[in-house]
Amino acid sequence: MYRRSAAAAVLLAAALTLTACSSGGDGKSDAAAAKPKPPASSAAPDPADATAPPASPDAKPTGPVLPDAKLTPKTGSFKPNEKQYLSGRVPEKMDPAAVLQSGQEACQRVERTAKRDKDAAIGSIVAGEIPGAKDAITHLCPEQKPVLDAASKGFADGTRESPAAGTYRALTQSTTCTWDAKGKDGAVLASGPETTPKAGDKITARIPAGTATFTSTGCYAWIPA
């Protein structure tokens, strides 16, 4: 009797083992199929959450656009300068009022910033932080043209090839701004700042004639001094 019970126990254990193996042997169990999304702090983004980046107001549509004759809002009418801004800019199936709004918002950002700090407004355009600012100012808020004109003479932080010789001012109060000007042979023609700047100090750079590359770090944007 004892031997029969022992044999039955062995057979039962073997059956349970085979059942467990068959449930996960192909690597496609229900638990694996129901894989949870990565947490919000995960470095691996969930493809289901990906969205296409918004188009830049600076970019003209690559597909068909609304002809000028059809640039009409759902109610009212566009002003002549608004139509000029919208010309060639509105995708065929898009509401022109939405495109106009992006330009108006660019104007508002420039205006608000310039009221507080004109240099900050100039720098934000130079650094590309207000997309579409050039066309928006030209057509929608020409009163901000002095800001745009100043920005057109500047360049952003980073590397500038063949810069015009002269003295430039950094539009930043950072104490970590550094720069150097190099010739075609890579030799350093000038560098700075000569002394460690203090908070609030104006930082200037002298770009000698014959400079091939001007490289700056932590300086935000440059305009002629």
Protein backbone atom coordinates (compact mmCIF):
# COMPACT_ATOMS: atom_id res chain seq x y z
CA MET A 1 0.00 0.00 0.00
CA TYR A 2 2.84 2.39 0.87
CA ARG A 3 4.56 1.70 -2.46
CA ARG A 4 1.36 2.46 -4.42
CA SER A 5 0.90 5.80 -2.62
CA ALA A 6 4.52 6.77 -3.26
CA ALA A 7 4.20 5.89 -6.94
CA ALA A 8 1.03 7.95 -7.24
CA ALA A 9 2.74 10.94 -5.66
CA VAL A 10 5.61 10.70 -8.13
CA LEU A 11 3.22 10.56 -11.10
CA LEU A 12 1.27 13.59 -9.80
CA ALA A 13 4.45 15.66 -9.39
CA ALA A 14 5.55 14.77 -12.94
CA ALA A 15 2.19 15.84 -14.35
CA LEU A 16 2.34 19.20 -12.60
CA THR A 17 5.86 19.78 -13.91
CA LEU A 18 4.82 19.08 -17.50
CA THR A 19 1.84 21.45 -17.19
CA ALA A 20 4.02 24.30 -15.92
CA CYS A 21 6.57 23.81 -18.72
CA SER A 22 3.95 23.72 -21.49
CA SER A 23 2.35 27.00 -20.34
CA GLY A 24 5.56 29.06 -20.83
CA GLY A 25 7.61 26.95 -23.21
CA ASP A 26 6.97 29.05 -26.32
CA GLY A 27 7.75 32.40 -24.58
CA LYS A 28 4.34 33.82 -25.53
CA SER A 29 2.31 33.52 -22.37
CA ASP A 30 -0.57 35.86 -21.58
CA ALA A 31 1.59 37.65 -19.01
CA ALA A 32 4.23 38.44 -21.64
CA ALA A 33 1.61 39.59 -24.14
CA ALA A 34 0.15 42.04 -21.63
CA LYS A 35 3.42 43.92 -21.25
CA PRO A 36 2.80 47.20 -19.35
CA LYS A 37 3.79 50.59 -20.68
CA PRO A 38 7.07 51.97 -19.38
CA PRO A 39 6.63 54.36 -16.46
CA ALA A 40 6.68 58.09 -17.07
CA SER A 41 10.24 58.28 -15.80
CA SER A 42 11.43 55.50 -18.10
CA ALA A 43 14.15 56.36 -20.59
CA ALA A 44 12.42 54.17 -23.20
CA PRO A 45 9.42 56.04 -24.67
CA ASP A 46 6.29 54.17 -25.58
CA PRO A 47 5.78 54.32 -29.38
CA ALA A 48 2.03 54.60 -28.80
CA ASP A 49 2.57 57.93 -27.09
CA ALA A 50 4.67 59.43 -29.92
CA THR A 51 3.23 62.39 -31.78
CA ALA A 52 4.50 64.26 -34.80
CA PRO A 53 6.30 67.52 -33.96
CA PRO A 54 4.44 70.69 -34.89
CA ALA A 55 5.51 72.40 -38.09
CA SER A 56 7.67 75.47 -37.64
CA PRO A 57 6.05 78.78 -38.58
CA ASP A 58 9.24 79.48 -40.57
CA ALA A 59 8.69 76.50 -42.83
CA LYS A 60 6.60 76.90 -45.97
CA PRO A 61 4.25 74.00 -46.80
CA THR A 62 5.73 71.35 -49.07
CA GLY A 63 2.33 70.30 -50.45
CA PRO A 64 -0.51 72.17 -52.13
CA VAL A 65 -1.40 75.55 -50.62
CA LEU A 66 -4.54 77.63 -50.72
CA PRO A 67 -4.53 80.11 -53.60
CA ASP A 68 -4.66 83.74 -52.55
CA ALA A 69 -8.26 84.03 -53.81
CA LYS A 70 -9.36 81.47 -51.20
CA LEU A 71 -7.60 83.05 -48.24
CA THR A 72 -10.79 83.98 -46.44
CA PRO A 73 -11.76 83.40 -42.80
CA LYS A 74 -15.00 81.68 -41.80
CA THR A 75 -16.32 85.06 -40.66
CA GLY A 76 -15.28 88.58 -41.59
CA SER A 77 -12.28 89.24 -43.81
CA PHE A 78 -8.50 89.49 -43.65
CA LYS A 79 -6.68 92.79 -43.85
CA PRO A 80 -4.32 93.34 -46.82
CA ASN A 81 -1.20 92.87 -44.65
CA GLU A 82 -2.66 89.66 -43.20
CA LYS A 83 -3.25 88.29 -46.70
CA GLN A 84 0.34 89.14 -47.59
CA TYR A 85 1.54 87.16 -44.59
CA LEU A 86 -0.69 84.19 -45.46
CA SER A 87 0.19 84.09 -49.16
CA GLY A 88 1.84 80.76 -49.98
CA ARG A 89 1.84 79.75 -46.31
CA VAL A 90 -1.52 78.00 -45.78
CA PRO A 91 -1.78 74.27 -46.54
CA GLU A 92 -4.71 73.41 -48.79
CA LYS A 93 -6.88 71.83 -46.07
CA MET A 94 -5.96 74.14 -43.19
CA ASP A 95 -7.86 77.07 -41.73
CA PRO A 96 -5.94 80.23 -42.69
CA ALA A 97 -7.02 81.83 -39.42
CA ALA A 98 -4.97 79.24 -37.51
CA VAL A 99 -1.87 80.09 -39.56
CA LEU A 100 -2.46 83.80 -39.00
CA GLN A 101 -2.72 83.19 -35.27
CA SER A 102 0.80 81.69 -35.17
CA GLY A 103 2.16 84.88 -36.73
CA GLN A 104 0.21 87.09 -34.34
CA GLU A 105 1.55 85.12 -31.39
CA ALA A 106 5.12 85.65 -32.64
CA CYS A 107 4.45 89.39 -32.76
CA GLN A 108 3.02 89.36 -29.25
CA ARG A 109 6.08 87.55 -27.89
CA VAL A 110 8.45 90.06 -29.50
CA GLU A 111 6.41 93.01 -28.26
CA ARG A 112 6.11 91.75 -24.68
CA THR A 113 9.80 90.92 -24.47
CA ALA A 114 10.91 94.21 -26.02
CA LYS A 115 8.87 96.18 -23.47
CA ARG A 116 10.83 94.56 -20.65
CA ASP A 117 14.23 94.29 -22.32
CA LYS A 118 15.00 95.19 -25.93
CA ASP A 119 18.25 93.21 -25.89
CA ALA A 120 16.35 90.13 -24.76
CA ALA A 121 13.91 90.52 -27.67
CA ILE A 122 16.78 90.90 -30.14
CA GLY A 123 18.57 87.89 -28.67
CA SER A 124 15.47 85.70 -28.79
CA ILE A 125 15.14 86.36 -32.53
CA VAL A 126 18.85 85.80 -33.19
CA ALA A 127 18.79 82.56 -31.21
CA GLY A 128 15.68 81.34 -33.04
CA GLU A 129 13.53 81.20 -29.92
CA ILE A 130 10.63 82.98 -31.62
CA PRO A 131 9.94 80.96 -34.78
CA GLY A 132 8.52 82.91 -37.68
CA ALA A 133 9.47 86.27 -36.17
CA LYS A 134 10.94 87.69 -39.38
CA ASP A 135 7.86 87.23 -41.59
CA ALA A 136 5.49 88.04 -38.73
CA ILE A 137 7.19 91.37 -37.99
CA THR A 138 7.51 92.24 -41.68
CA HIS A 139 3.78 91.84 -42.37
CA LEU A 140 1.90 91.87 -39.07
CA CYS A 141 3.76 94.12 -36.62
CA PRO A 142 6.11 96.42 -38.55
CA GLU A 143 6.44 98.63 -35.45
CA GLN A 144 8.86 95.95 -34.19
CA LYS A 145 11.10 96.33 -37.24
CA PRO A 146 13.90 98.08 -35.27
CA VAL A 147 14.18 94.91 -33.16
CA LEU A 148 14.28 92.77 -36.30
CA ASP A 149 16.86 95.03 -37.96
CA ALA A 150 19.15 94.76 -34.95
CA ALA A 151 18.72 90.98 -34.86
CA SER A 152 19.55 90.67 -38.57
CA LYS A 153 23.08 91.93 -37.85
CA GLY A 154 23.74 89.40 -35.11
CA PHE A 155 24.45 85.70 -34.88
CA ALA A 156 23.76 82.96 -32.36
CA ASP A 157 26.09 81.31 -29.86
CA GLY A 158 28.15 78.48 -31.35
CA THR A 159 30.43 78.55 -34.39
CA ARG A 160 30.20 81.30 -36.98
CA GLU A 161 32.17 80.90 -40.22
CA SER A 162 33.78 83.92 -41.90
CA PRO A 163 32.27 86.53 -39.56
CA ALA A 164 32.58 90.21 -40.41
CA ALA A 165 35.44 91.84 -38.55
CA GLY A 166 34.51 94.18 -35.73
CA THR A 167 33.54 94.38 -32.09
CA TYR A 168 30.50 92.46 -30.92
CA ARG A 169 28.51 92.41 -27.71
CA ALA A 170 27.13 89.24 -26.11
CA LEU A 171 23.44 89.48 -25.23
CA THR A 172 23.92 87.68 -21.94
CA GLN A 173 24.92 88.37 -18.37
CA SER A 174 26.33 84.89 -17.93
CA THR A 175 29.71 84.74 -16.23
CA THR A 176 30.61 81.57 -18.15
CA CYS A 177 30.64 83.10 -21.66
CA THR A 178 33.90 82.33 -23.53
CA TRP A 179 34.96 82.82 -27.15
CA ASP A 180 37.83 82.56 -29.60
CA ALA A 181 38.56 83.64 -33.17
CA LYS A 182 40.69 81.43 -35.39
CA GLY A 183 42.34 81.93 -38.75
CA LYS A 184 42.25 79.56 -41.73
CA ASP A 185 45.23 77.66 -40.35
CA GLY A 186 43.44 77.10 -37.05
CA ALA A 187 45.66 79.50 -35.13
CA VAL A 188 43.90 81.50 -32.41
CA LEU A 189 43.80 85.18 -33.41
CA ALA A 190 41.91 86.40 -30.34
CA SER A 191 40.04 84.94 -27.37
CA GLY A 192 38.20 86.07 -24.31
CA PRO A 193 37.09 87.30 -22.02
CA GLU A 194 40.46 88.57 -20.82
CA THR A 195 39.24 88.64 -17.23
CA THR A 196 36.54 86.59 -15.52
CA PRO A 197 33.31 88.58 -15.87
CA LYS A 198 31.14 89.41 -12.90
CA ALA A 199 27.36 89.22 -12.87
CA GLY A 200 25.96 92.09 -14.91
CA ASP A 201 29.18 92.83 -16.80
CA LYS A 202 28.93 93.44 -20.54
CA ILE A 203 30.97 90.95 -22.54
CA THR A 204 32.49 92.05 -25.83
CA ALA A 205 34.54 90.21 -28.44
CA ARG A 206 36.91 91.63 -31.01
CA ILE A 207 36.85 89.68 -34.25
CA PRO A 208 40.02 90.45 -36.25
CA ALA A 209 40.06 90.69 -40.04
CA GLY A 210 40.83 87.31 -41.60
CA THR A 211 38.93 85.31 -38.99
CA ALA A 212 37.79 81.99 -40.44
CA THR A 213 35.73 80.77 -37.47
CA PHE A 214 34.40 82.48 -34.38
CA THR A 215 33.31 80.06 -31.68
CA SER A 216 31.56 80.97 -28.44
CA THR A 217 30.05 79.02 -25.57
CA GLY A 218 27.50 80.23 -23.03
CA CYS A 219 27.10 83.62 -24.74
CA TYR A 220 23.52 83.22 -26.10
CA ALA A 221 23.75 85.67 -29.03
CA TRP A 222 25.99 88.42 -30.46
CA ILE A 223 25.27 91.79 -32.09
CA PRO A 224 27.61 94.57 -33.21
CA ALA A 225 28.71 96.67 -30.24
